[in-house]
Amino acid sequence: MLEDYSNGSYGPHEDGPDIERVRRSVPDEGVSAQMALLAGGFADAVRIRVLTALADGPVCVGCLALALEVSQSSISHQLRLLRSLGIVSSERRGRHIYYSLSWPGAEPLLRELRAAAGGGRWESPASTGDNSEEDV
């Protein structure tokens, strides 16, 4: 018998096929914690806009700030967080640092989030090879 984790209404449960199925499908606490950290990278509107912009290719902080109408310090702060999570990477080009998506799962996740939020279908020009704007 398992330990009683219930609130008392249902009582303790015996080990059975449902419990084993759940145990097999749920990641352990360490992996779950890493998943939560990664998901947190997508839990801010400015970060979502930055990540969507980076899906089209590398962009420097100044360009992101101007295009998104957000301060450079705010963009830099968000990029530091995203870089620490391994979602973006940076490359120095002369006096500027360009950021790009480094986690392959970022772009598909952005597409799914946009569709779920009712933002229409979106494919980045980088993924389609098309550099023209798409209707959303």
Protein backbone atom coordinates (compact mmCIF):
# COMPACT_ATOMS: atom_id res chain seq x y z
CA MET A 1 0.00 0.00 0.00
CA LEU A 2 1.16 3.55 -0.72
CA GLU A 3 1.55 6.27 1.83
CA ASP A 4 -1.66 8.20 2.36
CA TYR A 5 -1.20 11.45 0.36
CA SER A 6 -4.94 12.00 0.14
CA ASN A 7 -6.93 14.59 2.03
CA GLY A 8 -8.81 11.83 3.82
CA SER A 9 -11.86 11.91 1.58
CA TYR A 10 -10.80 8.99 -0.56
CA GLY A 11 -8.36 7.18 1.70
CA PRO A 12 -5.13 5.51 0.64
CA HIS A 13 -4.85 3.82 -2.76
CA GLU A 14 -3.35 0.48 -3.68
CA ASP A 15 -0.59 0.31 -6.28
CA GLY A 16 -2.24 -0.43 -9.57
CA PRO A 17 -2.01 0.07 -13.34
CA ASP A 18 -3.09 3.73 -13.21
CA ILE A 19 -0.46 4.60 -10.64
CA GLU A 20 2.25 2.79 -12.60
CA ARG A 21 1.19 4.50 -15.84
CA VAL A 22 1.40 7.90 -14.18
CA ARG A 23 4.80 7.07 -12.68
CA ARG A 24 6.14 6.09 -16.12
CA SER A 25 4.83 9.20 -17.88
CA VAL A 26 5.76 11.91 -15.36
CA PRO A 27 9.34 13.19 -15.31
CA ASP A 28 11.27 13.07 -12.05
CA GLU A 29 11.53 16.15 -9.85
CA GLY A 30 14.87 17.28 -11.31
CA VAL A 31 13.66 17.12 -14.90
CA SER A 32 10.36 18.77 -13.91
CA ALA A 33 12.29 21.62 -12.29
CA GLN A 34 14.37 22.10 -15.46
CA MET A 35 11.20 22.05 -17.57
CA ALA A 36 9.66 24.72 -15.35
CA LEU A 37 12.76 26.92 -15.70
CA LEU A 38 12.69 26.57 -19.47
CA ALA A 39 8.96 27.30 -19.61
CA GLY A 40 9.59 30.40 -17.51
CA GLY A 41 11.67 31.75 -20.39
CA PHE A 42 8.44 32.02 -22.35
CA ALA A 43 6.40 33.49 -19.48
CA ASP A 44 6.86 37.18 -20.27
CA ALA A 45 5.35 39.22 -23.11
CA VAL A 46 8.61 41.07 -23.88
CA ARG A 47 10.54 37.79 -23.98
CA ILE A 48 7.94 36.30 -26.34
CA ARG A 49 8.30 39.30 -28.67
CA VAL A 50 12.11 39.10 -28.52
CA LEU A 51 12.09 35.36 -29.23
CA THR A 52 9.68 35.80 -32.13
CA ALA A 53 11.95 38.48 -33.61
CA LEU A 54 14.98 36.19 -33.24
CA ALA A 55 13.17 33.40 -35.08
CA ASP A 56 13.74 35.45 -38.25
CA GLY A 57 17.50 35.49 -37.68
CA PRO A 58 20.16 37.17 -35.55
CA VAL A 59 19.42 40.69 -34.28
CA CYS A 60 21.41 43.10 -32.11
CA VAL A 61 20.05 44.64 -28.90
CA GLY A 62 19.70 48.13 -30.37
CA CYS A 63 17.62 46.90 -33.31
CA LEU A 64 15.39 44.87 -31.00
CA ALA A 65 14.89 47.86 -28.72
CA LEU A 66 13.92 50.15 -31.59
CA ALA A 67 11.69 47.63 -33.35
CA LEU A 68 9.89 46.53 -30.19
CA GLU A 69 9.85 50.03 -28.64
CA VAL A 70 11.37 48.72 -25.40
CA SER A 71 14.42 50.15 -23.63
CA GLN A 72 17.81 48.66 -24.42
CA SER A 73 18.34 47.83 -20.76
CA SER A 74 15.08 45.88 -20.64
CA ILE A 75 15.97 43.99 -23.84
CA SER A 76 19.45 43.25 -22.46
CA HIS A 77 17.98 42.00 -19.19
CA GLN A 78 15.60 39.65 -21.02
CA LEU A 79 18.35 38.40 -23.31
CA ARG A 80 20.63 37.65 -20.34
CA LEU A 81 17.88 35.53 -18.81
CA LEU A 82 17.16 33.74 -22.10
CA ARG A 83 20.87 33.11 -22.63
CA SER A 84 21.24 31.67 -19.12
CA LEU A 85 18.44 29.22 -19.98
CA GLY A 86 20.14 28.18 -23.22
CA ILE A 87 17.28 29.48 -25.37
CA VAL A 88 19.38 32.13 -27.14
CA SER A 89 23.06 32.55 -27.92
CA SER A 90 25.16 35.59 -28.75
CA GLU A 91 27.91 36.47 -31.21
CA ARG A 92 30.01 39.63 -31.34
CA ARG A 93 30.16 41.34 -34.73
CA GLY A 94 32.39 44.37 -34.46
CA ARG A 95 30.93 46.69 -31.82
CA HIS A 96 27.57 44.91 -31.68
CA ILE A 97 26.42 41.67 -30.11
CA TYR A 98 23.89 39.73 -32.15
CA TYR A 99 21.51 37.27 -30.53
CA SER A 100 19.87 34.26 -32.14
CA LEU A 101 17.75 31.30 -31.11
CA SER A 102 19.92 28.41 -29.98
CA TRP A 103 17.31 25.98 -28.66
CA PRO A 104 15.70 24.14 -31.59
CA GLY A 105 12.40 23.80 -29.72
CA ALA A 106 11.90 27.56 -29.39
CA GLU A 107 10.40 28.25 -32.80
CA PRO A 108 7.85 25.38 -32.77
CA LEU A 109 6.82 26.37 -29.24
CA LEU A 110 6.38 30.00 -30.31
CA ARG A 111 4.16 28.87 -33.20
CA GLU A 112 2.01 26.76 -30.88
CA LEU A 113 1.72 29.54 -28.29
CA ARG A 114 0.73 32.06 -30.95
CA ALA A 115 -1.93 29.75 -32.36
CA ALA A 116 -3.27 28.95 -28.88
CA ALA A 117 -3.46 32.66 -28.07
CA GLY A 118 -5.50 33.29 -31.22
CA GLY A 119 -2.66 35.12 -32.96
CA GLY A 120 -3.10 33.30 -36.24
CA ARG A 121 -0.79 31.07 -38.21
CA TRP A 122 2.84 32.12 -38.32
CA GLU A 123 5.92 30.82 -40.02
CA SER A 124 9.14 32.75 -39.71
CA PRO A 125 10.85 33.72 -42.97
CA ALA A 126 13.95 31.95 -41.62
CA SER A 127 12.10 28.61 -41.47
CA THR A 128 10.31 28.96 -44.81
CA GLY A 129 13.11 30.55 -46.82
CA ASP A 130 10.74 33.42 -47.66
CA ASN A 131 11.78 36.91 -46.61
CA SER A 132 8.45 38.57 -47.35
CA GLU A 133 5.93 39.28 -44.60
CA GLU A 134 3.19 36.75 -44.03
CA ASP A 135 -0.44 37.37 -43.20
CA VAL A 136 -1.42 36.34 -39.71
